[in-house]
Amino acid sequence: MATGFTGFMCAGMRHCNGIVLTAGFAWSGTLSLHAQAANVTVVGLFPGKAVVVINGASPRTISVGQKQVEGVTLLSTASSSAIFNIDGKRHALEIGEHFAAPSIGANGSNTLKVSADTVGQFWTMGQINGKAVRFLIDTGATSVALPAIDARTMGIDFTKGQKGYSATAGGIVPVWKVKLDAVTIGEITLYGIEASIFEGGLNVALLGMSFLNRVEMKREGAQMTLTKRF
């Protein structure tokens, strides 16, 4: 039985065993309600209504014609797709599909702006190997981290990775170290990202330093800007 990387990472994580504490970027401040560009993911559809995640916030149900503060309006729904007005433009999105408004920094690099929630945490929708996922941005995590149940849903065969163990609030749990083909947030896509898959002790996906080390991070009030470096 390979031990590989016993104790890997959980000392820096705040989401072990269902206990949710403040993450590495949990700065104080008020929630910014006016993001410069809306990122939208459709997670459910009903007649005349859609369940959406906007700018990485918690899922909400909106009705046709109901305009959101972030500049998103639901125009119509069908059985498997919906039409939105996002920042003045029409977009058709299917269930599970993610729309990310591009933002280009002064140096031409891809940039994403993320607003803090009411407790100072930064969440963002993204993709792993093309599959939608909601990340908590956490500088205390040494790598991108996923619960095993989410990894299986995404089709990640993590059991072929390097196995080790990590101490969590719920005890010692198996952890596999793997490489993800691609991780995307907004218009930023990075390839060959190291990740850790936790068989227990983790209940959210963490966007850790194996990704964040390759972007520039700046904070202004309750807003964080991520800009791709390489």
Protein backbone atom coordinates (compact mmCIF):
# COMPACT_ATOMS: atom_id res chain seq x y z
CA MET A 1 0.00 0.00 0.00
CA ALA A 2 1.55 3.25 -1.14
CA THR A 3 1.57 6.10 1.33
CA GLY A 4 2.90 8.62 -1.21
CA PHE A 5 2.10 11.92 0.44
CA THR A 6 0.73 11.22 3.91
CA GLY A 7 -0.67 14.36 5.54
CA PHE A 8 -0.88 16.12 2.19
CA MET A 9 -2.67 19.45 2.29
CA CYS A 10 -5.52 19.29 4.80
CA ALA A 11 -3.63 21.37 7.36
CA GLY A 12 -4.24 24.35 5.07
CA MET A 13 -7.83 23.56 4.13
CA ARG A 14 -10.91 24.93 5.84
CA HIS A 15 -13.53 22.59 4.40
CA CYS A 16 -12.73 19.22 5.96
CA ASN A 17 -15.46 16.96 7.30
CA GLY A 18 -18.30 19.37 6.50
CA ILE A 19 -16.91 22.19 8.66
CA VAL A 20 -16.94 25.43 6.69
CA LEU A 21 -14.67 28.20 7.92
CA THR A 22 -13.26 31.29 6.29
CA ALA A 23 -11.00 30.60 3.32
CA GLY A 24 -7.60 32.06 2.53
CA PHE A 25 -9.14 35.02 0.74
CA ALA A 26 -11.80 35.74 3.36
CA TRP A 27 -11.28 39.49 3.59
CA SER A 28 -13.76 41.66 5.41
CA GLY A 29 -15.99 43.92 3.35
CA THR A 30 -19.43 44.23 1.86
CA LEU A 31 -20.77 42.22 -1.03
CA SER A 32 -20.27 43.93 -4.38
CA LEU A 33 -23.60 43.88 -6.24
CA HIS A 34 -22.41 45.38 -9.51
CA ALA A 35 -19.96 43.04 -11.18
CA GLN A 36 -18.47 44.37 -14.40
CA ALA A 37 -19.43 41.24 -16.33
CA ALA A 38 -21.84 38.42 -15.55
CA ASN A 39 -20.84 34.76 -15.48
CA VAL A 40 -23.90 32.50 -15.65
CA THR A 41 -24.39 28.75 -15.23
CA VAL A 42 -27.76 27.03 -15.71
CA VAL A 43 -28.35 24.30 -13.12
CA GLY A 44 -32.10 23.71 -13.51
CA LEU A 45 -35.05 24.54 -15.75
CA PHE A 46 -38.80 24.76 -15.19
CA PRO A 47 -41.65 26.29 -17.24
CA GLY A 48 -41.01 30.02 -17.11
CA LYS A 49 -38.22 29.69 -14.55
CA ALA A 50 -34.54 28.78 -14.36
CA VAL A 51 -32.16 27.94 -11.52
CA VAL A 52 -28.88 29.74 -12.16
CA VAL A 53 -25.55 30.52 -10.56
CA ILE A 54 -24.47 34.11 -11.29
CA ASN A 55 -20.88 35.19 -10.66
CA GLY A 56 -20.23 32.14 -8.48
CA ALA A 57 -22.92 32.99 -5.90
CA SER A 58 -25.39 30.50 -4.47
CA PRO A 59 -27.96 29.05 -6.91
CA ARG A 60 -31.11 31.14 -7.29
CA THR A 61 -34.42 30.71 -9.11
CA ILE A 62 -35.38 33.49 -11.51
CA SER A 63 -38.54 33.96 -13.57
CA VAL A 64 -38.98 35.11 -17.16
CA GLY A 65 -38.71 38.89 -17.30
CA GLN A 66 -37.16 39.18 -13.84
CA LYS A 67 -34.02 41.29 -14.19
CA GLN A 68 -31.11 40.57 -11.84
CA VAL A 69 -28.79 43.21 -10.39
CA GLU A 70 -25.90 41.63 -12.28
CA GLY A 71 -27.46 42.44 -15.66
CA VAL A 72 -29.02 39.03 -16.33
CA THR A 73 -32.62 38.60 -17.53
CA LEU A 74 -34.35 35.31 -18.33
CA LEU A 75 -36.23 35.71 -21.63
CA SER A 76 -37.69 32.23 -22.19
CA THR A 77 -37.30 28.57 -21.23
CA ALA A 78 -37.64 25.24 -23.01
CA SER A 79 -37.28 21.64 -21.83
CA SER A 80 -33.47 21.62 -21.95
CA SER A 81 -32.37 25.21 -22.62
CA ALA A 82 -33.14 28.83 -21.84
CA ILE A 83 -32.54 32.18 -23.48
CA PHE A 84 -31.04 35.00 -21.43
CA ASN A 85 -30.21 38.62 -21.92
CA ILE A 86 -26.75 38.90 -20.37
CA ASP A 87 -25.21 42.37 -20.28
CA GLY A 88 -27.41 43.43 -23.20
CA LYS A 89 -26.84 40.41 -25.45
CA ARG A 90 -28.96 37.29 -26.05
CA HIS A 91 -27.46 33.92 -25.14
CA ALA A 92 -28.99 30.44 -25.32
CA LEU A 93 -27.73 28.12 -22.57
CA GLU A 94 -28.47 24.46 -21.93
CA ILE A 95 -28.63 22.81 -18.50
CA GLY A 96 -25.10 22.63 -17.10
CA GLU A 97 -23.75 25.12 -19.65
CA HIS A 98 -21.63 28.01 -18.43
CA PHE A 99 -21.40 31.49 -19.95
CA ALA A 100 -18.32 33.52 -19.01
CA ALA A 101 -18.01 37.12 -20.12
CA PRO A 102 -14.43 37.76 -21.25
CA SER A 103 -12.50 40.55 -19.62
CA ILE A 104 -9.12 41.49 -21.07
CA GLY A 105 -6.55 43.17 -18.86
CA ALA A 106 -4.29 46.04 -19.86
CA ASN A 107 -1.49 43.65 -20.77
CA GLY A 108 -3.79 41.61 -23.03
CA SER A 109 -4.06 38.72 -20.57
CA ASN A 110 -7.36 37.07 -19.78
CA THR A 111 -8.88 38.44 -16.58
CA LEU A 112 -11.73 37.37 -14.29
CA LYS A 113 -13.32 39.50 -11.57
CA VAL A 114 -14.91 37.74 -8.59
CA SER A 115 -17.00 39.38 -5.85
CA ALA A 116 -16.91 38.27 -2.22
CA ASP A 117 -20.01 36.79 -0.65
CA THR A 118 -21.55 38.08 2.57
CA VAL A 119 -18.99 36.26 4.73
CA GLY A 120 -15.98 37.32 2.67
CA GLN A 121 -15.46 34.12 0.67
CA PHE A 122 -14.78 34.07 -3.07
CA TRP A 123 -16.67 31.55 -5.21
CA THR A 124 -16.55 31.13 -8.97
CA MET A 125 -18.02 28.79 -11.51
CA GLY A 126 -15.52 26.95 -13.67
CA GLN A 127 -14.81 23.77 -15.52
CA ILE A 128 -12.57 20.76 -15.02
CA ASN A 129 -11.88 18.86 -18.23
CA GLY A 130 -14.94 20.57 -19.72
CA LYS A 131 -17.32 19.66 -16.83
CA ALA A 132 -18.96 22.44 -14.79
CA VAL A 133 -17.87 22.90 -11.16
CA ARG A 134 -18.29 25.57 -8.49
CA PHE A 135 -14.96 26.48 -6.85
CA LEU A 136 -14.12 28.10 -3.56
CA ILE A 137 -10.92 30.11 -4.04
CA ASP A 138 -8.60 29.03 -1.22
CA THR A 139 -4.95 30.04 -0.93
CA GLY A 140 -4.65 27.67 2.03
CA ALA A 141 -5.02 24.66 -0.29
CA THR A 142 -1.76 23.60 -1.90
CA SER A 143 -3.56 22.35 -5.01
CA VAL A 144 -6.94 22.12 -6.66
CA ALA A 145 -8.95 19.71 -4.49
CA LEU A 146 -12.11 17.73 -5.20
CA PRO A 147 -14.37 15.38 -3.27
CA ALA A 148 -14.12 11.90 -4.79
CA ILE A 149 -17.86 11.85 -5.54
CA ASP A 150 -17.46 14.93 -7.77
CA ALA A 151 -14.39 13.49 -9.47
CA ARG A 152 -16.31 10.33 -10.34
CA THR A 153 -19.18 12.39 -11.77
CA MET A 154 -16.66 14.18 -13.99
CA GLY A 155 -15.22 10.89 -15.22
CA ILE A 156 -11.82 11.38 -13.54
CA ASP A 157 -10.17 7.99 -12.94
CA PHE A 158 -8.24 9.17 -9.91
CA THR A 159 -7.47 5.65 -8.63
CA LYS A 160 -4.65 5.55 -11.19
CA GLY A 161 -3.03 8.51 -9.46
CA GLN A 162 -0.55 8.56 -6.57
CA LYS A 163 -2.29 7.44 -3.38
CA GLY A 164 -1.61 8.93 0.02
CA TYR A 165 -3.41 9.90 3.20
CA SER A 166 -4.40 13.19 4.79
CA ALA A 167 -5.49 14.18 8.29
CA THR A 168 -8.91 15.85 8.37
CA ALA A 169 -11.25 16.85 11.16
CA GLY A 170 -13.01 13.51 10.60
CA GLY A 171 -9.84 11.43 10.73
CA ILE A 172 -7.35 10.04 8.22
CA VAL A 173 -8.76 9.76 4.68
CA PRO A 174 -7.32 8.43 1.40
CA VAL A 175 -6.18 11.07 -1.08
CA TRP A 176 -5.07 10.65 -4.69
CA LYS A 177 -2.75 13.07 -6.46
CA VAL A 178 -3.62 13.47 -10.17
CA LYS A 179 -3.06 15.82 -13.10
CA LEU A 180 -6.13 17.50 -14.61
CA ASP A 181 -6.07 18.06 -18.36
CA ALA A 182 -7.59 21.54 -18.11
CA VAL A 183 -9.06 23.87 -15.47
CA THR A 184 -11.09 26.89 -16.60
CA ILE A 185 -12.52 29.90 -14.77
CA GLY A 186 -14.02 32.63 -16.92
CA GLU A 187 -11.77 32.98 -19.96
CA ILE A 188 -8.71 31.65 -18.11
CA THR A 189 -7.78 28.07 -19.01
CA LEU A 190 -4.70 26.37 -17.58
CA TYR A 191 -3.48 22.90 -18.54
CA GLY A 192 -1.81 20.09 -16.61
CA ILE A 193 -3.00 21.25 -13.19
CA GLU A 194 -2.10 19.16 -10.15
CA ALA A 195 -5.11 18.14 -8.07
CA SER A 196 -5.95 16.10 -4.98
CA ILE A 197 -9.01 13.88 -4.81
CA PHE A 198 -10.35 13.30 -1.28
CA GLU A 199 -12.28 10.14 -0.39
CA GLY A 200 -14.06 11.84 2.51
CA GLY A 201 -13.35 14.91 4.62
CA LEU A 202 -13.98 17.46 1.85
CA ASN A 203 -17.37 18.78 0.74
CA VAL A 204 -16.55 21.50 -1.81
CA ALA A 205 -14.19 21.95 -4.74
CA LEU A 206 -11.21 24.14 -3.87
CA LEU A 207 -9.30 26.27 -6.35
CA GLY A 208 -5.91 26.00 -4.69
CA MET A 209 -2.37 27.13 -5.35
CA SER A 210 -1.54 24.70 -8.17
CA PHE A 211 -3.86 26.95 -10.21
CA LEU A 212 -3.49 30.25 -8.35
CA ASN A 213 0.31 30.25 -8.61
CA ARG A 214 -0.13 30.75 -12.36
CA VAL A 215 -2.36 33.82 -12.11
CA GLU A 216 -1.90 37.31 -10.73
CA MET A 217 -4.33 38.10 -7.90
CA LYS A 218 -5.37 41.62 -6.89
CA ARG A 219 -8.00 42.74 -4.41
CA GLU A 220 -9.96 45.99 -4.40
CA GLY A 221 -12.51 46.11 -1.60
CA ALA A 222 -14.78 43.10 -1.93
CA GLN A 223 -13.65 42.33 -5.47
CA MET A 224 -10.76 40.11 -6.53
CA THR A 225 -9.21 40.15 -10.00
CA LEU A 226 -7.44 37.10 -11.41
CA THR A 227 -5.23 37.60 -14.48
CA LYS A 228 -3.55 34.76 -16.34
CA ARG A 229 0.27 34.96 -16.19
CA PHE A 230 1.37 31.83 -18.06
